[in-house]
Amino acid sequence: CDNSYAAVADSDWQLEIAHHAESMALHGSRLVCDLLR
C-alpha cells in the first residue's frame, strides 16, 4: 500500500466489492424476473 495510514484505515476496497456485487445482483434479478414471467 502506498500510504501506511490508508493501509489500515481504508475501506474503499470493501465498498468497491460491494458495489460490484450490488450491480451483479441487480442485473441478475432482472434476468430472473423475465425468466419467471
PDB file of all heavy atoms in Angstrom:
ATOM      1  N   CYS A   1       0.844  -1.190   0.000  1.00  0.00           N
ATOM      2  CA  CYS A   1       0.000   0.000   0.000  1.00  0.00           C
ATOM      3  C   CYS A   1       0.883   1.245   0.000  1.00  0.00           C
ATOM      4  O   CYS A   1       1.894   1.304   0.700  1.00  0.00           O
ATOM      5  CB  CYS A   1      -0.918   0.010   1.222  1.00  0.00           C
ATOM      6  SG  CYS A   1      -2.170  -1.279   1.203  1.00  0.00           S
ATOM      7  N   ASP A   2       0.496   2.240  -0.780  1.00  0.00           N
ATOM      8  CA  ASP A   2       1.313   3.440  -0.934  1.00  0.00           C
ATOM      9  C   ASP A   2       1.437   4.237   0.361  1.00  0.00           C
ATOM     10  O   ASP A   2       2.472   4.856   0.609  1.00  0.00           O
ATOM     11  CB  ASP A   2       0.717   4.350  -2.012  1.00  0.00           C
ATOM     12  CG  ASP A   2       0.799   3.737  -3.389  1.00  0.00           C
ATOM     13  OD1 ASP A   2       1.669   2.870  -3.589  1.00  0.00           O
ATOM     14  OD2 ASP A   2      -0.002   4.108  -4.257  1.00  0.00           O
ATOM     15  N   ASN A   3       0.398   4.232   1.172  1.00  0.00           N
ATOM     16  CA  ASN A   3       0.348   5.079   2.364  1.00  0.00           C
ATOM     17  C   ASN A   3       0.031   4.196   3.562  1.00  0.00           C
ATOM     18  O   ASN A   3      -0.979   3.496   3.571  1.00  0.00           O
ATOM     19  CB  ASN A   3      -0.738   6.148   2.171  1.00  0.00           C
ATOM     20  CG  ASN A   3      -0.818   7.121   3.313  1.00  0.00           C
ATOM     21  OD1 ASN A   3      -1.253   6.762   4.413  1.00  0.00           O
ATOM     22  ND2 ASN A   3      -0.418   8.356   3.070  1.00  0.00           N
ATOM     23  N   SER A   4       0.902   4.227   4.567  1.00  0.00           N
ATOM     24  CA  SER A   4       0.720   3.332   5.710  1.00  0.00           C
ATOM     25  C   SER A   4      -0.533   3.663   6.503  1.00  0.00           C
ATOM     26  O   SER A   4      -1.146   2.767   7.102  1.00  0.00           O
ATOM     27  CB  SER A   4       1.956   3.375   6.619  1.00  0.00           C
ATOM     28  OG  SER A   4       2.141   4.666   7.168  1.00  0.00           O
ATOM     29  N   TYR A   5      -0.944   4.927   6.521  1.00  0.00           N
ATOM     30  CA  TYR A   5      -2.177   5.303   7.210  1.00  0.00           C
ATOM     31  C   TYR A   5      -3.380   4.683   6.494  1.00  0.00           C
ATOM     32  O   TYR A   5      -4.240   4.040   7.108  1.00  0.00           O
ATOM     33  CB  TYR A   5      -2.304   6.839   7.251  1.00  0.00           C
ATOM     34  CG  TYR A   5      -3.225   7.360   8.334  1.00  0.00           C
ATOM     35  CD1 TYR A   5      -2.756   8.255   9.293  1.00  0.00           C
ATOM     36  CD2 TYR A   5      -4.562   6.981   8.390  1.00  0.00           C
ATOM     37  CE1 TYR A   5      -3.594   8.744  10.287  1.00  0.00           C
ATOM     38  CE2 TYR A   5      -5.405   7.466   9.365  1.00  0.00           C
ATOM     39  CZ  TYR A   5      -4.926   8.348  10.315  1.00  0.00           C
ATOM     40  OH  TYR A   5      -5.752   8.820  11.291  1.00  0.00           O
ATOM     41  N   ALA A   6      -3.435   4.887   5.174  1.00  0.00           N
ATOM     42  CA  ALA A   6      -4.541   4.338   4.392  1.00  0.00           C
ATOM     43  C   ALA A   6      -4.558   2.816   4.435  1.00  0.00           C
ATOM     44  O   ALA A   6      -5.624   2.196   4.344  1.00  0.00           O
ATOM     45  CB  ALA A   6      -4.455   4.819   2.950  1.00  0.00           C
ATOM     46  N   ALA A   7      -3.392   2.199   4.588  1.00  0.00           N
ATOM     47  CA  ALA A   7      -3.309   0.742   4.595  1.00  0.00           C
ATOM     48  C   ALA A   7      -4.179   0.121   5.676  1.00  0.00           C
ATOM     49  O   ALA A   7      -4.776  -0.949   5.469  1.00  0.00           O
ATOM     50  CB  ALA A   7      -1.855   0.306   4.791  1.00  0.00           C
ATOM     51  N   VAL A   8      -4.277   0.777   6.834  1.00  0.00           N
ATOM     52  CA  VAL A   8      -5.055   0.221   7.941  1.00  0.00           C
ATOM     53  C   VAL A   8      -6.404   0.913   8.112  1.00  0.00           C
ATOM     54  O   VAL A   8      -7.268   0.425   8.850  1.00  0.00           O
ATOM     55  CB  VAL A   8      -4.265   0.293   9.272  1.00  0.00           C
ATOM     56  CG1 VAL A   8      -2.957  -0.473   9.153  1.00  0.00           C
ATOM     57  CG2 VAL A   8      -3.995   1.741   9.682  1.00  0.00           C
ATOM     58  N   ALA A   9      -6.607   2.066   7.459  1.00  0.00           N
ATOM     59  CA  ALA A   9      -7.835   2.842   7.666  1.00  0.00           C
ATOM     60  C   ALA A   9      -8.817   2.735   6.508  1.00  0.00           C
ATOM     61  O   ALA A   9     -10.010   2.987   6.675  1.00  0.00           O
ATOM     62  CB  ALA A   9      -7.489   4.321   7.883  1.00  0.00           C
ATOM     63  N   ASP A  10      -8.341   2.361   5.343  1.00  0.00           N
ATOM     64  CA  ASP A  10      -9.136   2.415   4.122  1.00  0.00           C
ATOM     65  C   ASP A  10     -10.195   1.313   4.093  1.00  0.00           C
ATOM     66  O   ASP A  10      -9.905   0.159   4.418  1.00  0.00           O
ATOM     67  CB  ASP A  10      -8.205   2.270   2.921  1.00  0.00           C
ATOM     68  CG  ASP A  10      -8.913   2.437   1.597  1.00  0.00           C
ATOM     69  OD1 ASP A  10     -10.014   2.994   1.602  1.00  0.00           O
ATOM     70  OD2 ASP A  10      -8.357   2.009   0.581  1.00  0.00           O
ATOM     71  N   SER A  11     -11.404   1.654   3.711  1.00  0.00           N
ATOM     72  CA  SER A  11     -12.453   0.651   3.485  1.00  0.00           C
ATOM     73  C   SER A  11     -12.919   0.667   2.034  1.00  0.00           C
ATOM     74  O   SER A  11     -13.879  -0.017   1.682  1.00  0.00           O
ATOM     75  CB  SER A  11     -13.651   0.899   4.408  1.00  0.00           C
ATOM     76  OG  SER A  11     -14.270   2.139   4.096  1.00  0.00           O
ATOM     77  N   ASP A  12     -12.231   1.438   1.201  1.00  0.00           N
ATOM     78  CA  ASP A  12     -12.650   1.605  -0.188  1.00  0.00           C
ATOM     79  C   ASP A  12     -12.672   0.283  -0.933  1.00  0.00           C
ATOM     80  O   ASP A  12     -13.566   0.023  -1.741  1.00  0.00           O
ATOM     81  CB  ASP A  12     -11.710   2.601  -0.879  1.00  0.00           C
ATOM     82  CG  ASP A  12     -12.144   2.889  -2.314  1.00  0.00           C
ATOM     83  OD1 ASP A  12     -13.338   3.163  -2.502  1.00  0.00           O
ATOM     84  OD2 ASP A  12     -11.307   2.833  -3.219  1.00  0.00           O
ATOM     85  N   TRP A  13     -11.701  -0.580  -0.646  1.00  0.00           N
ATOM     86  CA  TRP A  13     -11.636  -1.855  -1.370  1.00  0.00           C
ATOM     87  C   TRP A  13     -12.860  -2.727  -1.062  1.00  0.00           C
ATOM     88  O   TRP A  13     -13.370  -3.427  -1.942  1.00  0.00           O
ATOM     89  CB  TRP A  13     -10.340  -2.593  -1.048  1.00  0.00           C
ATOM     90  CG  TRP A  13     -10.185  -3.002   0.392  1.00  0.00           C
ATOM     91  CD1 TRP A  13      -9.689  -2.245   1.418  1.00  0.00           C
ATOM     92  CD2 TRP A  13     -10.544  -4.264   0.963  1.00  0.00           C
ATOM     93  NE1 TRP A  13      -9.715  -2.953   2.589  1.00  0.00           N
ATOM     94  CE2 TRP A  13     -10.228  -4.202   2.345  1.00  0.00           C
ATOM     95  CE3 TRP A  13     -11.077  -5.435   0.456  1.00  0.00           C
ATOM     96  CZ2 TRP A  13     -10.444  -5.270   3.207  1.00  0.00           C
ATOM     97  CZ3 TRP A  13     -11.301  -6.510   1.321  1.00  0.00           C
ATOM     98  CH2 TRP A  13     -10.973  -6.415   2.683  1.00  0.00           C
ATOM     99  N   GLN A  14     -13.339  -2.674   0.178  1.00  0.00           N
ATOM    100  CA  GLN A  14     -14.535  -3.444   0.525  1.00  0.00           C
ATOM    101  C   GLN A  14     -15.786  -2.848  -0.111  1.00  0.00           C
ATOM    102  O   GLN A  14     -16.667  -3.565  -0.593  1.00  0.00           O
ATOM    103  CB  GLN A  14     -14.712  -3.494   2.050  1.00  0.00           C
ATOM    104  CG  GLN A  14     -13.629  -4.301   2.742  1.00  0.00           C
ATOM    105  CD  GLN A  14     -13.782  -4.301   4.249  1.00  0.00           C
ATOM    106  OE1 GLN A  14     -13.971  -5.347   4.850  1.00  0.00           O
ATOM    107  NE2 GLN A  14     -13.681  -3.142   4.872  1.00  0.00           N
ATOM    108  N   LEU A  15     -15.845  -1.518  -0.116  1.00  0.00           N
ATOM    109  CA  LEU A  15     -17.000  -0.860  -0.711  1.00  0.00           C
ATOM    110  C   LEU A  15     -17.062  -1.106  -2.212  1.00  0.00           C
ATOM    111  O   LEU A  15     -18.144  -1.252  -2.782  1.00  0.00           O
ATOM    112  CB  LEU A  15     -16.949   0.642  -0.424  1.00  0.00           C
ATOM    113  CG  LEU A  15     -17.196   1.049   1.029  1.00  0.00           C
ATOM    114  CD1 LEU A  15     -17.046   2.553   1.191  1.00  0.00           C
ATOM    115  CD2 LEU A  15     -18.572   0.602   1.490  1.00  0.00           C
ATOM    116  N   GLU A  16     -15.904  -1.166  -2.849  1.00  0.00           N
ATOM    117  CA  GLU A  16     -15.901  -1.403  -4.295  1.00  0.00           C
ATOM    118  C   GLU A  16     -16.390  -2.814  -4.609  1.00  0.00           C
ATOM    119  O   GLU A  16     -17.134  -3.028  -5.573  1.00  0.00           O
ATOM    120  CB  GLU A  16     -14.501  -1.168  -4.870  1.00  0.00           C
ATOM    121  CG  GLU A  16     -14.529  -1.012  -6.370  1.00  0.00           C
ATOM    122  CD  GLU A  16     -13.418  -0.106  -6.898  1.00  0.00           C
ATOM    123  OE1 GLU A  16     -12.944   0.770  -6.160  1.00  0.00           O
ATOM    124  OE2 GLU A  16     -13.045  -0.285  -8.056  1.00  0.00           O
ATOM    125  N   ILE A  17     -15.982  -3.778  -3.788  1.00  0.00           N
ATOM    126  CA  ILE A  17     -16.512  -5.138  -3.943  1.00  0.00           C
ATOM    127  C   ILE A  17     -18.022  -5.129  -3.782  1.00  0.00           C
ATOM    128  O   ILE A  17     -18.762  -5.757  -4.551  1.00  0.00           O
ATOM    129  CB  ILE A  17     -15.864  -6.090  -2.918  1.00  0.00           C
ATOM    130  CG1 ILE A  17     -14.390  -6.344  -3.276  1.00  0.00           C
ATOM    131  CG2 ILE A  17     -16.615  -7.419  -2.860  1.00  0.00           C
ATOM    132  CD1 ILE A  17     -13.628  -7.124  -2.224  1.00  0.00           C
ATOM    133  N   ALA A  18     -18.499  -4.396  -2.766  1.00  0.00           N
ATOM    134  CA  ALA A  18     -19.939  -4.320  -2.520  1.00  0.00           C
ATOM    135  C   ALA A  18     -20.671  -3.695  -3.703  1.00  0.00           C
ATOM    136  O   ALA A  18     -21.749  -4.164  -4.103  1.00  0.00           O
ATOM    137  CB  ALA A  18     -20.209  -3.518  -1.245  1.00  0.00           C
ATOM    138  N   HIS A  19     -20.097  -2.653  -4.283  1.00  0.00           N
ATOM    139  CA  HIS A  19     -20.734  -2.001  -5.430  1.00  0.00           C
ATOM    140  C   HIS A  19     -20.828  -2.959  -6.622  1.00  0.00           C
ATOM    141  O   HIS A  19     -21.848  -2.990  -7.326  1.00  0.00           O
ATOM    142  CB  HIS A  19     -19.963  -0.744  -5.829  1.00  0.00           C
ATOM    143  CG  HIS A  19     -19.977   0.339  -4.791  1.00  0.00           C
ATOM    144  ND1 HIS A  19     -21.024   0.497  -3.912  1.00  0.00           N
ATOM    145  CD2 HIS A  19     -19.084   1.322  -4.485  1.00  0.00           C
ATOM    146  CE1 HIS A  19     -20.778   1.526  -3.107  1.00  0.00           C
ATOM    147  NE2 HIS A  19     -19.611   2.037  -3.430  1.00  0.00           N
ATOM    148  N   HIS A  20     -19.773  -3.730  -6.842  1.00  0.00           N
ATOM    149  CA  HIS A  20     -19.806  -4.694  -7.941  1.00  0.00           C
ATOM    150  C   HIS A  20     -20.850  -5.783  -7.671  1.00  0.00           C
ATOM    151  O   HIS A  20     -21.591  -6.182  -8.587  1.00  0.00           O
ATOM    152  CB  HIS A  20     -18.435  -5.326  -8.136  1.00  0.00           C
ATOM    153  CG  HIS A  20     -17.376  -4.370  -8.594  1.00  0.00           C
ATOM    154  ND1 HIS A  20     -17.634  -3.340  -9.461  1.00  0.00           N
ATOM    155  CD2 HIS A  20     -16.051  -4.289  -8.294  1.00  0.00           C
ATOM    156  CE1 HIS A  20     -16.512  -2.658  -9.688  1.00  0.00           C
ATOM    157  NE2 HIS A  20     -15.549  -3.218  -8.989  1.00  0.00           N
ATOM    158  N   ALA A  21     -20.880  -6.272  -6.445  1.00  0.00           N
ATOM    159  CA  ALA A  21     -21.864  -7.301  -6.099  1.00  0.00           C
ATOM    160  C   ALA A  21     -23.280  -6.757  -6.231  1.00  0.00           C
ATOM    161  O   ALA A  21     -24.199  -7.470  -6.654  1.00  0.00           O
ATOM    162  CB  ALA A  21     -21.612  -7.797  -4.670  1.00  0.00           C
ATOM    163  N   GLU A  22     -23.448  -5.499  -5.875  1.00  0.00           N
ATOM    164  CA  GLU A  22     -24.755  -4.866  -5.998  1.00  0.00           C
ATOM    165  C   GLU A  22     -25.190  -4.814  -7.469  1.00  0.00           C
ATOM    166  O   GLU A  22     -26.334  -5.154  -7.801  1.00  0.00           O
ATOM    167  CB  GLU A  22     -24.702  -3.461  -5.407  1.00  0.00           C
ATOM    168  CG  GLU A  22     -26.037  -2.756  -5.334  1.00  0.00           C
ATOM    169  CD  GLU A  22     -25.924  -1.424  -4.604  1.00  0.00           C
ATOM    170  OE1 GLU A  22     -24.991  -0.649  -4.926  1.00  0.00           O
ATOM    171  OE2 GLU A  22     -26.753  -1.171  -3.717  1.00  0.00           O
ATOM    172  N   SER A  23     -24.283  -4.413  -8.358  1.00  0.00           N
ATOM    173  CA  SER A  23     -24.604  -4.387  -9.788  1.00  0.00           C
ATOM    174  C   SER A  23     -24.943  -5.783 -10.295  1.00  0.00           C
ATOM    175  O   SER A  23     -25.896  -5.972 -11.058  1.00  0.00           O
ATOM    176  CB  SER A  23     -23.425  -3.821 -10.588  1.00  0.00           C
ATOM    177  OG  SER A  23     -23.222  -2.463 -10.302  1.00  0.00           O
ATOM    178  N   MET A  24     -24.166  -6.767  -9.856  1.00  0.00           N
ATOM    179  CA  MET A  24     -24.414  -8.150 -10.267  1.00  0.00           C
ATOM    180  C   MET A  24     -25.799  -8.598  -9.824  1.00  0.00           C
ATOM    181  O   MET A  24     -26.551  -9.231 -10.579  1.00  0.00           O
ATOM    182  CB  MET A  24     -23.353  -9.062  -9.668  1.00  0.00           C
ATOM    183  CG  MET A  24     -23.510 -10.528 -10.022  1.00  0.00           C
ATOM    184  SD  MET A  24     -22.688 -11.585  -8.822  1.00  0.00           S
ATOM    185  CE  MET A  24     -23.722 -11.363  -7.389  1.00  0.00           C
ATOM    186  N   ALA A  25     -26.163  -8.268  -8.571  1.00  0.00           N
ATOM    187  CA  ALA A  25     -27.467  -8.671  -8.047  1.00  0.00           C
ATOM    188  C   ALA A  25     -28.606  -7.990  -8.796  1.00  0.00           C
ATOM    189  O   ALA A  25     -29.641  -8.616  -9.083  1.00  0.00           O
ATOM    190  CB  ALA A  25     -27.550  -8.350  -6.557  1.00  0.00           C
ATOM    191  N   LEU A  26     -28.409  -6.732  -9.142  1.00  0.00           N
ATOM    192  CA  LEU A  26     -29.449  -6.008  -9.877  1.00  0.00           C
ATOM    193  C   LEU A  26     -29.616  -6.572 -11.285  1.00  0.00           C
ATOM    194  O   LEU A  26     -30.734  -6.791 -11.755  1.00  0.00           O
ATOM    195  CB  LEU A  26     -29.121  -4.518  -9.925  1.00  0.00           C
ATOM    196  CG  LEU A  26     -29.154  -3.792  -8.571  1.00  0.00           C
ATOM    197  CD1 LEU A  26     -28.672  -2.351  -8.732  1.00  0.00           C
ATOM    198  CD2 LEU A  26     -30.553  -3.804  -7.987  1.00  0.00           C
ATOM    199  N   HIS A  27     -28.495  -6.802 -11.983  1.00  0.00           N
ATOM    200  CA  HIS A  27     -28.574  -7.401 -13.320  1.00  0.00           C
ATOM    201  C   HIS A  27     -29.222  -8.789 -13.245  1.00  0.00           C
ATOM    202  O   HIS A  27     -30.108  -9.121 -14.052  1.00  0.00           O
ATOM    203  CB  HIS A  27     -27.179  -7.548 -13.942  1.00  0.00           C
ATOM    204  CG  HIS A  27     -26.468  -6.255 -14.177  1.00  0.00           C
ATOM    205  ND1 HIS A  27     -27.123  -5.072 -14.364  1.00  0.00           N
ATOM    206  CD2 HIS A  27     -25.129  -5.965 -14.263  1.00  0.00           C
ATOM    207  CE1 HIS A  27     -26.238  -4.096 -14.556  1.00  0.00           C
ATOM    208  NE2 HIS A  27     -25.034  -4.620 -14.500  1.00  0.00           N
ATOM    209  N   GLY A  28     -28.754  -9.592 -12.285  1.00  0.00           N
ATOM    210  CA  GLY A  28     -29.257 -10.961 -12.164  1.00  0.00           C
ATOM    211  C   GLY A  28     -30.726 -11.009 -11.821  1.00  0.00           C
ATOM    212  O   GLY A  28     -31.477 -11.840 -12.363  1.00  0.00           O
ATOM    213  N   SER A  29     -31.176 -10.120 -10.938  1.00  0.00           N
ATOM    214  CA  SER A  29     -32.580 -10.148 -10.525  1.00  0.00           C
ATOM    215  C   SER A  29     -33.501  -9.760 -11.676  1.00  0.00           C
ATOM    216  O   SER A  29     -34.624 -10.264 -11.777  1.00  0.00           O
ATOM    217  CB  SER A  29     -32.797  -9.218  -9.327  1.00  0.00           C
ATOM    218  OG  SER A  29     -32.599  -7.864  -9.676  1.00  0.00           O
ATOM    219  N   ARG A  30     -33.046  -8.881 -12.558  1.00  0.00           N
ATOM    220  CA  ARG A  30     -33.862  -8.511 -13.707  1.00  0.00           C
ATOM    221  C   ARG A  30     -33.997  -9.690 -14.683  1.00  0.00           C
ATOM    222  O   ARG A  30     -35.062  -9.920 -15.261  1.00  0.00           O
ATOM    223  CB  ARG A  30     -33.254  -7.300 -14.426  1.00  0.00           C
ATOM    224  CG  ARG A  30     -33.222  -6.045 -13.570  1.00  0.00           C
ATOM    225  CD  ARG A  30     -32.612  -4.869 -14.310  1.00  0.00           C
ATOM    226  NE  ARG A  30     -33.539  -4.343 -15.297  1.00  0.00           N
ATOM    227  CZ  ARG A  30     -33.234  -3.353 -16.140  1.00  0.00           C
ATOM    228  NH1 ARG A  30     -32.019  -2.808 -16.123  1.00  0.00           N
ATOM    229  NH2 ARG A  30     -34.119  -2.911 -17.004  1.00  0.00           N
ATOM    230  N   LEU A  31     -32.909 -10.424 -14.828  1.00  0.00           N
ATOM    231  CA  LEU A  31     -32.948 -11.608 -15.682  1.00  0.00           C
ATOM    232  C   LEU A  31     -33.884 -12.657 -15.082  1.00  0.00           C
ATOM    233  O   LEU A  31     -34.689 -13.282 -15.795  1.00  0.00           O
ATOM    234  CB  LEU A  31     -31.532 -12.170 -15.839  1.00  0.00           C
ATOM    235  CG  LEU A  31     -31.305 -13.347 -16.784  1.00  0.00           C
ATOM    236  CD1 LEU A  31     -31.902 -13.074 -18.151  1.00  0.00           C
ATOM    237  CD2 LEU A  31     -29.823 -13.656 -16.896  1.00  0.00           C
ATOM    238  N   VAL A  32     -33.804 -12.846 -13.772  1.00  0.00           N
ATOM    239  CA  VAL A  32     -34.690 -13.786 -13.090  1.00  0.00           C
ATOM    240  C   VAL A  32     -36.151 -13.354 -13.225  1.00  0.00           C
ATOM    241  O   VAL A  32     -37.041 -14.187 -13.425  1.00  0.00           O
ATOM    242  CB  VAL A  32     -34.301 -13.914 -11.600  1.00  0.00           C
ATOM    243  CG1 VAL A  32     -35.361 -14.679 -10.821  1.00  0.00           C
ATOM    244  CG2 VAL A  32     -32.963 -14.613 -11.459  1.00  0.00           C
ATOM    245  N   CYS A  33     -36.392 -12.063 -13.122  1.00  0.00           N
ATOM    246  CA  CYS A  33     -37.754 -11.536 -13.274  1.00  0.00           C
ATOM    247  C   CYS A  33     -38.340 -11.927 -14.626  1.00  0.00           C
ATOM    248  O   CYS A  33     -39.492 -12.377 -14.719  1.00  0.00           O
ATOM    249  CB  CYS A  33     -37.743 -10.019 -13.107  1.00  0.00           C
ATOM    250  SG  CYS A  33     -39.370  -9.244 -13.205  1.00  0.00           S
ATOM    251  N   ASP A  34     -37.548 -11.795 -15.681  1.00  0.00           N
ATOM    252  CA  ASP A  34     -38.024 -12.170 -17.015  1.00  0.00           C
ATOM    253  C   ASP A  34     -38.249 -13.678 -17.115  1.00  0.00           C
ATOM    254  O   ASP A  34     -39.247 -14.134 -17.691  1.00  0.00           O
ATOM    255  CB  ASP A  34     -37.028 -11.724 -18.080  1.00  0.00           C
ATOM    256  CG  ASP A  34     -37.133 -10.243 -18.402  1.00  0.00           C
ATOM    257  OD1 ASP A  34     -38.120  -9.616 -17.964  1.00  0.00           O
ATOM    258  OD2 ASP A  34     -36.229  -9.709 -19.064  1.00  0.00           O
ATOM    259  N   LEU A  35     -37.321 -14.462 -16.568  1.00  0.00           N
ATOM    260  CA  LEU A  35     -37.468 -15.919 -16.639  1.00  0.00           C
ATOM    261  C   LEU A  35     -38.729 -16.377 -15.918  1.00  0.00           C
ATOM    262  O   LEU A  35     -39.439 -17.280 -16.392  1.00  0.00           O
ATOM    263  CB  LEU A  35     -36.233 -16.600 -16.042  1.00  0.00           C
ATOM    264  CG  LEU A  35     -34.938 -16.463 -16.840  1.00  0.00           C
ATOM    265  CD1 LEU A  35     -33.766 -17.056 -16.065  1.00  0.00           C
ATOM    266  CD2 LEU A  35     -35.056 -17.136 -18.212  1.00  0.00           C
ATOM    267  N   LEU A  36     -39.020 -15.771 -14.769  1.00  0.00           N
ATOM    268  CA  LEU A  36     -40.237 -16.130 -14.043  1.00  0.00           C
ATOM    269  C   LEU A  36     -41.486 -15.716 -14.820  1.00  0.00           C
ATOM    270  O   LEU A  36     -42.494 -16.439 -14.847  1.00  0.00           O
ATOM    271  CB  LEU A  36     -40.233 -15.474 -12.663  1.00  0.00           C
ATOM    272  CG  LEU A  36     -39.350 -16.151 -11.614  1.00  0.00           C
ATOM    273  CD1 LEU A  36     -39.193 -15.270 -10.384  1.00  0.00           C
ATOM    274  CD2 LEU A  36     -39.935 -17.509 -11.221  1.00  0.00           C
ATOM    275  N   ARG A  37     -41.444 -14.560 -15.466  1.00  0.00           N
ATOM    276  CA  ARG A  37     -42.581 -14.123 -16.272  1.00  0.00           C
ATOM    277  C   ARG A  37     -42.769 -15.050 -17.464  1.00  0.00           C
ATOM    278  O   ARG A  37     -43.898 -15.419 -17.818  1.00  0.00           O
ATOM    279  CB  ARG A  37     -42.365 -12.674 -16.743  1.00  0.00           C
ATOM    280  CG  ARG A  37     -43.526 -12.129 -17.568  1.00  0.00           C
ATOM    281  CD  ARG A  37     -43.393 -10.629 -17.776  1.00  0.00           C
ATOM    282  NE  ARG A  37     -42.147 -10.273 -18.438  1.00  0.00           N
ATOM    283  CZ  ARG A  37     -41.946 -10.342 -19.751  1.00  0.00           C
ATOM    284  NH1 ARG A  37     -42.911 -10.770 -20.548  1.00  0.00           N
ATOM    285  NH2 ARG A  37     -40.786  -9.982 -20.272  1.00  0.00           N
TER     286      ARG A  37
END
